[in-house]
Amino acid sequence: MVRARAAVADSAAAPIEATGGGSAGESAADWRHYDELELTPLLAAALDAFYEHGFHGTSVRDIVRRVGQTVPSLYYHHDSKEGAFAALLDLGTGEAVWRVQAAAADAGAPREQLVNVVEAVVLHMTHRTRLAALDLELRHLSPESRKRYAARRKEIETVLTGIIERGASEGVFTAAHPEETVRAVLGMCQSIARWYQPGGPLRPEELAERYVDLTLRTVGAKPVKRKR
């Protein structure tokens, strides 16, 4: 299970520790499994507030009022509103990275790796929609916090770029510009957080299947054959 340990993240510079997801000894198959996200009351309130009103529209008083705590309690654990935001962003991006890496390791050939990784990204966007939506507010972060997020995103881009480059070299894909292709695929997947609503007409697995098809077509591979 993924937990946000706010007690050890008392500033924007301190990364949130994710347990149960990317810890040593986890099975690669676990990248498809999602438990309910457990956060401290302050971080849960902050996540709801940021999702509903955005970073700029959320005040520290709004966050603490939701859980009946005082303003100093947030400053004690997270230093500032940005500190709480960065803690949530660290949690979300950290989980996304380990799931993508596990998904890639769960397959051998480039095509199957690409299918797994795109599925992992879409499942993250749909199961962790509120965390994923924080990407839309990155402009409010300090340069240091943005740099840390960029490093996490780069890890995912590196995995995908390597898969597409290998597939192109083996003649499995026809993508002539792997890096630009990766940016296009990730941009397409990240946009899910703008509109996806849990409980809507498409289950996460169904949406992942559609985005896998779109990605395979983008790289010049045949779409997944579905059972009739």
C-alpha atoms as a PDB file:
ATOM      1  CA  MET A   1       0.000   0.000   0.000  1.00  0.00           C
ATOM      2  CA  VAL A   2       1.209   3.506  -0.759  1.00  0.00           C
ATOM      3  CA  ARG A   3       1.543   5.821   2.206  1.00  0.00           C
ATOM      4  CA  ALA A   4       2.581   9.440   2.412  1.00  0.00           C
ATOM      5  CA  ARG A   5       4.703   9.930   5.516  1.00  0.00           C
ATOM      6  CA  ALA A   6       4.340  13.610   6.204  1.00  0.00           C
ATOM      7  CA  ALA A   7       6.316  13.424   9.423  1.00  0.00           C
ATOM      8  CA  VAL A   8       9.526  12.825   7.515  1.00  0.00           C
ATOM      9  CA  ALA A   9       8.751  15.405   4.848  1.00  0.00           C
ATOM     10  CA  ASP A  10       8.737  18.672   6.758  1.00  0.00           C
ATOM     11  CA  SER A  11       9.907  20.839   3.877  1.00  0.00           C
ATOM     12  CA  ALA A  12       9.509  21.149   0.118  1.00  0.00           C
ATOM     13  CA  ALA A  13      12.980  19.692  -0.333  1.00  0.00           C
ATOM     14  CA  ALA A  14      12.271  16.457   1.522  1.00  0.00           C
ATOM     15  CA  PRO A  15      10.955  13.662  -0.724  1.00  0.00           C
ATOM     16  CA  ILE A  16       7.911  11.693   0.325  1.00  0.00           C
ATOM     17  CA  GLU A  17       8.593   8.053   1.010  1.00  0.00           C
ATOM     18  CA  ALA A  18       6.389   5.615  -0.860  1.00  0.00           C
ATOM     19  CA  THR A  19       6.043   2.220   0.740  1.00  0.00           C
ATOM     20  CA  GLY A  20       4.493  -0.892  -0.704  1.00  0.00           C
ATOM     21  CA  GLY A  21       4.922   0.283  -4.301  1.00  0.00           C
ATOM     22  CA  GLY A  22       8.561   0.371  -5.256  1.00  0.00           C
ATOM     23  CA  SER A  23      10.162  -1.303  -2.273  1.00  0.00           C
ATOM     24  CA  ALA A  24      12.728  -4.035  -2.775  1.00  0.00           C
ATOM     25  CA  GLY A  25      11.338  -7.483  -3.379  1.00  0.00           C
ATOM     26  CA  GLU A  26       8.063  -6.331  -4.934  1.00  0.00           C
ATOM     27  CA  SER A  27       6.821  -8.501  -7.788  1.00  0.00           C
ATOM     28  CA  ALA A  28       6.857  -6.874 -11.218  1.00  0.00           C
ATOM     29  CA  ALA A  29       3.240  -7.963 -11.653  1.00  0.00           C
ATOM     30  CA  ASP A  30       2.254  -5.587  -8.852  1.00  0.00           C
ATOM     31  CA  TRP A  31       2.547  -2.587 -11.172  1.00  0.00           C
ATOM     32  CA  ARG A  32      -1.046  -3.180 -12.248  1.00  0.00           C
ATOM     33  CA  HIS A  33      -2.385  -3.393  -8.710  1.00  0.00           C
ATOM     34  CA  TYR A  34      -3.624  -0.321  -6.854  1.00  0.00           C
ATOM     35  CA  ASP A  35      -4.540  -0.086  -3.210  1.00  0.00           C
ATOM     36  CA  GLU A  36      -6.397   2.881  -1.822  1.00  0.00           C
ATOM     37  CA  LEU A  37      -4.052   5.815  -1.366  1.00  0.00           C
ATOM     38  CA  GLU A  38      -3.410   6.564   2.306  1.00  0.00           C
ATOM     39  CA  LEU A  39      -2.351  10.084   3.218  1.00  0.00           C
ATOM     40  CA  THR A  40      -2.042  11.984   6.454  1.00  0.00           C
ATOM     41  CA  PRO A  41      -5.135  14.127   7.112  1.00  0.00           C
ATOM     42  CA  LEU A  42      -3.246  17.284   6.143  1.00  0.00           C
ATOM     43  CA  LEU A  43      -2.020  15.897   2.838  1.00  0.00           C
ATOM     44  CA  ALA A  44      -5.422  14.400   2.026  1.00  0.00           C
ATOM     45  CA  ALA A  45      -7.031  17.798   2.639  1.00  0.00           C
ATOM     46  CA  ALA A  46      -4.347  19.541   0.590  1.00  0.00           C
ATOM     47  CA  LEU A  47      -4.832  17.121  -2.313  1.00  0.00           C
ATOM     48  CA  ASP A  48      -8.595  17.726  -2.346  1.00  0.00           C
ATOM     49  CA  ALA A  49      -8.137  21.490  -2.137  1.00  0.00           C
ATOM     50  CA  PHE A  50      -5.536  21.652  -4.899  1.00  0.00           C
ATOM     51  CA  TYR A  51      -7.680  19.462  -7.141  1.00  0.00           C
ATOM     52  CA  GLU A  52     -10.818  21.539  -6.551  1.00  0.00           C
ATOM     53  CA  HIS A  53      -9.351  25.051  -6.567  1.00  0.00           C
ATOM     54  CA  GLY A  54      -5.843  24.817  -7.989  1.00  0.00           C
ATOM     55  CA  PHE A  55      -2.662  25.845  -6.220  1.00  0.00           C
ATOM     56  CA  HIS A  56      -3.267  29.585  -6.438  1.00  0.00           C
ATOM     57  CA  GLY A  57      -6.897  29.278  -5.336  1.00  0.00           C
ATOM     58  CA  THR A  58      -6.032  27.221  -2.255  1.00  0.00           C
ATOM     59  CA  SER A  59      -4.967  28.839   1.017  1.00  0.00           C
ATOM     60  CA  VAL A  60      -3.250  27.272   3.998  1.00  0.00           C
ATOM     61  CA  ARG A  61      -6.301  28.147   6.074  1.00  0.00           C
ATOM     62  CA  ASP A  62      -8.520  26.277   3.641  1.00  0.00           C
ATOM     63  CA  ILE A  63      -6.365  23.158   3.965  1.00  0.00           C
ATOM     64  CA  VAL A  64      -6.206  23.091   7.768  1.00  0.00           C
ATOM     65  CA  ARG A  65      -9.876  24.028   8.153  1.00  0.00           C
ATOM     66  CA  ARG A  66     -10.851  20.851   6.305  1.00  0.00           C
ATOM     67  CA  VAL A  67      -9.284  18.699   9.026  1.00  0.00           C
ATOM     68  CA  GLY A  68      -9.850  20.922  12.049  1.00  0.00           C
ATOM     69  CA  GLN A  69      -6.175  21.754  12.533  1.00  0.00           C
ATOM     70  CA  THR A  70      -4.298  25.026  12.858  1.00  0.00           C
ATOM     71  CA  VAL A  71      -2.112  26.904  10.394  1.00  0.00           C
ATOM     72  CA  PRO A  72       1.086  26.193  12.388  1.00  0.00           C
ATOM     73  CA  SER A  73       0.440  22.437  12.045  1.00  0.00           C
ATOM     74  CA  LEU A  74       0.908  22.633   8.292  1.00  0.00           C
ATOM     75  CA  TYR A  75       4.004  24.804   8.613  1.00  0.00           C
ATOM     76  CA  TYR A  76       5.436  22.329  11.136  1.00  0.00           C
ATOM     77  CA  HIS A  77       5.155  19.350   8.775  1.00  0.00           C
ATOM     78  CA  HIS A  78       5.578  20.952   5.348  1.00  0.00           C
ATOM     79  CA  ASP A  79       7.118  24.406   5.830  1.00  0.00           C
ATOM     80  CA  SER A  80       4.638  26.038   3.437  1.00  0.00           C
ATOM     81  CA  LYS A  81       1.733  25.467   1.067  1.00  0.00           C
ATOM     82  CA  GLU A  82       4.280  24.722  -1.635  1.00  0.00           C
ATOM     83  CA  GLY A  83       5.880  22.186   0.678  1.00  0.00           C
ATOM     84  CA  ALA A  84       2.605  20.248   0.918  1.00  0.00           C
ATOM     85  CA  PHE A  85       2.170  20.507  -2.851  1.00  0.00           C
ATOM     86  CA  ALA A  86       5.707  19.273  -3.491  1.00  0.00           C
ATOM     87  CA  ALA A  87       5.219  16.377  -1.050  1.00  0.00           C
ATOM     88  CA  LEU A  88       2.149  15.227  -2.975  1.00  0.00           C
ATOM     89  CA  LEU A  89       3.924  15.669  -6.293  1.00  0.00           C
ATOM     90  CA  ASP A  90       6.874  13.628  -5.057  1.00  0.00           C
ATOM     91  CA  LEU A  91       4.545  10.855  -3.998  1.00  0.00           C
ATOM     92  CA  GLY A  92       2.731  10.771  -7.327  1.00  0.00           C
ATOM     93  CA  THR A  93       5.797  10.972  -9.548  1.00  0.00           C
ATOM     94  CA  GLY A  94       7.714   8.463  -7.443  1.00  0.00           C
ATOM     95  CA  GLU A  95       4.919   5.932  -7.765  1.00  0.00           C
ATOM     96  CA  ALA A  96       4.616   6.571 -11.507  1.00  0.00           C
ATOM     97  CA  VAL A  97       8.352   5.973 -12.025  1.00  0.00           C
ATOM     98  CA  TRP A  98       8.496   2.637 -10.254  1.00  0.00           C
ATOM     99  CA  ARG A  99       5.363   1.375 -12.012  1.00  0.00           C
ATOM    100  CA  VAL A 100       6.760   2.317 -15.431  1.00  0.00           C
ATOM    101  CA  GLN A 101      10.103   0.674 -14.666  1.00  0.00           C
ATOM    102  CA  ALA A 102       8.390  -2.466 -13.368  1.00  0.00           C
ATOM    103  CA  ALA A 103       6.091  -2.577 -16.413  1.00  0.00           C
ATOM    104  CA  ALA A 104       9.081  -2.379 -18.770  1.00  0.00           C
ATOM    105  CA  ALA A 105      10.912  -5.100 -16.851  1.00  0.00           C
ATOM    106  CA  ASP A 106       7.814  -7.305 -17.057  1.00  0.00           C
ATOM    107  CA  ALA A 107       8.299  -7.827 -20.818  1.00  0.00           C
ATOM    108  CA  GLY A 108      11.181  -8.683 -23.107  1.00  0.00           C
ATOM    109  CA  ALA A 109      10.452  -7.518 -26.658  1.00  0.00           C
ATOM    110  CA  PRO A 110      10.081  -3.775 -27.431  1.00  0.00           C
ATOM    111  CA  ARG A 111       6.464  -4.054 -28.553  1.00  0.00           C
ATOM    112  CA  GLU A 112       5.344  -5.774 -25.371  1.00  0.00           C
ATOM    113  CA  GLN A 113       7.400  -3.358 -23.285  1.00  0.00           C
ATOM    114  CA  LEU A 114       5.742  -0.395 -24.971  1.00  0.00           C
ATOM    115  CA  VAL A 115       2.297  -1.886 -24.408  1.00  0.00           C
ATOM    116  CA  ASN A 116       3.079  -2.416 -20.718  1.00  0.00           C
ATOM    117  CA  VAL A 117       4.549   1.033 -20.143  1.00  0.00           C
ATOM    118  CA  VAL A 118       1.680   2.902 -21.781  1.00  0.00           C
ATOM    119  CA  GLU A 119      -0.761   0.765 -19.820  1.00  0.00           C
ATOM    120  CA  ALA A 120       1.129   1.630 -16.625  1.00  0.00           C
ATOM    121  CA  VAL A 121       1.013   5.360 -17.370  1.00  0.00           C
ATOM    122  CA  VAL A 122      -2.708   5.335 -18.155  1.00  0.00           C
ATOM    123  CA  LEU A 123      -3.530   3.241 -15.099  1.00  0.00           C
ATOM    124  CA  HIS A 124      -1.620   5.742 -12.981  1.00  0.00           C
ATOM    125  CA  MET A 125      -3.553   8.628 -14.534  1.00  0.00           C
ATOM    126  CA  THR A 126      -6.881   6.948 -13.856  1.00  0.00           C
ATOM    127  CA  HIS A 127      -6.250   5.399 -10.450  1.00  0.00           C
ATOM    128  CA  ARG A 128      -4.334   8.423  -9.142  1.00  0.00           C
ATOM    129  CA  THR A 129      -6.166  11.143 -11.060  1.00  0.00           C
ATOM    130  CA  ARG A 130      -5.944  13.777  -8.320  1.00  0.00           C
ATOM    131  CA  LEU A 131      -2.221  13.275  -7.894  1.00  0.00           C
ATOM    132  CA  ALA A 132      -1.677  13.278 -11.661  1.00  0.00           C
ATOM    133  CA  ALA A 133      -3.661  16.517 -12.015  1.00  0.00           C
ATOM    134  CA  LEU A 134      -1.025  18.320  -9.948  1.00  0.00           C
ATOM    135  CA  ASP A 135       1.072  18.436 -13.135  1.00  0.00           C
ATOM    136  CA  LEU A 136      -1.228  21.183 -14.366  1.00  0.00           C
ATOM    137  CA  GLU A 137      -0.075  23.452 -11.520  1.00  0.00           C
ATOM    138  CA  LEU A 138       3.698  23.076 -11.884  1.00  0.00           C
ATOM    139  CA  ARG A 139       4.206  26.728 -12.773  1.00  0.00           C
ATOM    140  CA  HIS A 140       3.634  27.622  -9.137  1.00  0.00           C
ATOM    141  CA  LEU A 141       6.571  25.545  -7.886  1.00  0.00           C
ATOM    142  CA  SER A 142       9.990  26.940  -7.078  1.00  0.00           C
ATOM    143  CA  PRO A 143      12.774  26.222  -9.602  1.00  0.00           C
ATOM    144  CA  GLU A 144      14.270  23.633  -7.232  1.00  0.00           C
ATOM    145  CA  SER A 145      11.002  21.710  -6.943  1.00  0.00           C
ATOM    146  CA  ARG A 146      10.412  21.885 -10.694  1.00  0.00           C
ATOM    147  CA  LYS A 147      13.905  20.519 -11.281  1.00  0.00           C
ATOM    148  CA  ARG A 148      13.165  17.517  -9.062  1.00  0.00           C
ATOM    149  CA  TYR A 149       9.926  16.869 -10.943  1.00  0.00           C
ATOM    150  CA  ALA A 150      11.714  17.195 -14.280  1.00  0.00           C
ATOM    151  CA  ALA A 151      14.225  14.557 -13.175  1.00  0.00           C
ATOM    152  CA  ARG A 152      11.387  12.137 -12.374  1.00  0.00           C
ATOM    153  CA  ARG A 153       9.713  12.792 -15.710  1.00  0.00           C
ATOM    154  CA  LYS A 154      13.056  12.266 -17.432  1.00  0.00           C
ATOM    155  CA  GLU A 155      13.291   8.779 -15.906  1.00  0.00           C
ATOM    156  CA  ILE A 156      10.006   7.841 -17.574  1.00  0.00           C
ATOM    157  CA  GLU A 157      11.019   9.471 -20.852  1.00  0.00           C
ATOM    158  CA  THR A 158      14.314   7.559 -20.800  1.00  0.00           C
ATOM    159  CA  VAL A 159      12.534   4.216 -20.387  1.00  0.00           C
ATOM    160  CA  LEU A 160      10.154   4.948 -23.252  1.00  0.00           C
ATOM    161  CA  THR A 161      12.854   6.371 -25.529  1.00  0.00           C
ATOM    162  CA  GLY A 162      15.001   3.280 -25.046  1.00  0.00           C
ATOM    163  CA  ILE A 163      12.091   1.005 -25.908  1.00  0.00           C
ATOM    164  CA  ILE A 164      11.185   2.921 -29.055  1.00  0.00           C
ATOM    165  CA  GLU A 165      14.816   3.212 -30.206  1.00  0.00           C
ATOM    166  CA  ARG A 166      15.299  -0.516 -29.776  1.00  0.00           C
ATOM    167  CA  GLY A 167      12.049  -1.274 -31.564  1.00  0.00           C
ATOM    168  CA  ALA A 168      12.998   1.009 -34.446  1.00  0.00           C
ATOM    169  CA  SER A 169      16.426  -0.589 -34.769  1.00  0.00           C
ATOM    170  CA  GLU A 170      14.804  -4.039 -34.890  1.00  0.00           C
ATOM    171  CA  GLY A 171      12.260  -2.934 -37.495  1.00  0.00           C
ATOM    172  CA  VAL A 172       9.328  -3.367 -35.103  1.00  0.00           C
ATOM    173  CA  PHE A 173       8.540   0.361 -35.061  1.00  0.00           C
ATOM    174  CA  THR A 174       8.817   2.964 -37.802  1.00  0.00           C
ATOM    175  CA  ALA A 175       9.112   6.019 -35.536  1.00  0.00           C
ATOM    176  CA  ALA A 176      11.883   8.156 -37.039  1.00  0.00           C
ATOM    177  CA  HIS A 177      12.194  10.533 -34.078  1.00  0.00           C
ATOM    178  CA  PRO A 178      11.961   8.558 -30.810  1.00  0.00           C
ATOM    179  CA  GLU A 179      12.374  11.496 -28.413  1.00  0.00           C
ATOM    180  CA  GLU A 180       9.637  13.573 -30.053  1.00  0.00           C
ATOM    181  CA  THR A 181       7.439  10.490 -30.238  1.00  0.00           C
ATOM    182  CA  VAL A 182       7.869   9.928 -26.505  1.00  0.00           C
ATOM    183  CA  ARG A 183       6.893  13.517 -25.726  1.00  0.00           C
ATOM    184  CA  ALA A 184       3.796  13.156 -27.885  1.00  0.00           C
ATOM    185  CA  VAL A 185       2.768   9.885 -26.224  1.00  0.00           C
ATOM    186  CA  LEU A 186       3.320  11.172 -22.693  1.00  0.00           C
ATOM    187  CA  GLY A 187       1.516  14.422 -23.468  1.00  0.00           C
ATOM    188  CA  MET A 188      -1.435  12.443 -24.771  1.00  0.00           C
ATOM    189  CA  CYS A 189      -1.516  10.269 -21.654  1.00  0.00           C
ATOM    190  CA  GLN A 190      -1.041  13.118 -19.198  1.00  0.00           C
ATOM    191  CA  SER A 191      -4.014  14.969 -20.666  1.00  0.00           C
ATOM    192  CA  ILE A 192      -6.227  12.251 -19.161  1.00  0.00           C
ATOM    193  CA  ALA A 193      -5.979  13.992 -15.792  1.00  0.00           C
ATOM    194  CA  ARG A 194      -7.815  16.987 -17.286  1.00  0.00           C
ATOM    195  CA  TRP A 195     -11.039  15.124 -17.951  1.00  0.00           C
ATOM    196  CA  TYR A 196     -11.074  11.634 -16.449  1.00  0.00           C
ATOM    197  CA  GLN A 197     -13.639  10.987 -13.720  1.00  0.00           C
ATOM    198  CA  PRO A 198     -13.627   7.745 -11.702  1.00  0.00           C
ATOM    199  CA  GLY A 199     -16.925   5.980 -12.133  1.00  0.00           C
ATOM    200  CA  GLY A 200     -17.343   7.228 -15.698  1.00  0.00           C
ATOM    201  CA  PRO A 201     -18.275   5.113 -18.722  1.00  0.00           C
ATOM    202  CA  LEU A 202     -14.751   3.730 -19.227  1.00  0.00           C
ATOM    203  CA  ARG A 203     -12.904   1.611 -16.703  1.00  0.00           C
ATOM    204  CA  PRO A 204      -9.154   2.312 -16.327  1.00  0.00           C
ATOM    205  CA  GLU A 205      -8.306  -0.932 -18.111  1.00  0.00           C
ATOM    206  CA  GLU A 206     -10.546  -0.072 -21.061  1.00  0.00           C
ATOM    207  CA  LEU A 207      -9.043   3.393 -21.393  1.00  0.00           C
ATOM    208  CA  ALA A 208      -5.535   1.936 -21.190  1.00  0.00           C
ATOM    209  CA  GLU A 209      -6.379  -0.436 -24.030  1.00  0.00           C
ATOM    210  CA  ARG A 210      -7.439   2.475 -26.226  1.00  0.00           C
ATOM    211  CA  TYR A 211      -4.325   4.482 -25.490  1.00  0.00           C
ATOM    212  CA  VAL A 212      -2.134   1.463 -26.156  1.00  0.00           C
ATOM    213  CA  ASP A 213      -3.737   1.214 -29.614  1.00  0.00           C
ATOM    214  CA  LEU A 214      -3.152   4.924 -30.245  1.00  0.00           C
ATOM    215  CA  THR A 215       0.486   4.586 -29.207  1.00  0.00           C
ATOM    216  CA  LEU A 216       1.145   1.536 -31.346  1.00  0.00           C
ATOM    217  CA  ARG A 217      -0.279   3.336 -34.352  1.00  0.00           C
ATOM    218  CA  THR A 218       1.893   6.354 -33.516  1.00  0.00           C
ATOM    219  CA  VAL A 219       5.093   4.293 -33.603  1.00  0.00           C
ATOM    220  CA  GLY A 220       4.018   2.408 -36.729  1.00  0.00           C
ATOM    221  CA  ALA A 221       3.157  -0.919 -35.101  1.00  0.00           C
ATOM    222  CA  LYS A 222       0.051  -3.013 -35.533  1.00  0.00           C
ATOM    223  CA  PRO A 223      -2.616  -2.484 -32.850  1.00  0.00           C
ATOM    224  CA  VAL A 224      -3.387  -5.124 -30.260  1.00  0.00           C
ATOM    225  CA  LYS A 225      -5.610  -7.905 -31.524  1.00  0.00           C
ATOM    226  CA  ARG A 226      -8.700  -8.161 -29.368  1.00  0.00           C
ATOM    227  CA  LYS A 227     -10.547 -11.367 -28.658  1.00  0.00           C
ATOM    228  CA  ARG A 228     -14.023 -11.444 -30.130  1.00  0.00           C
END
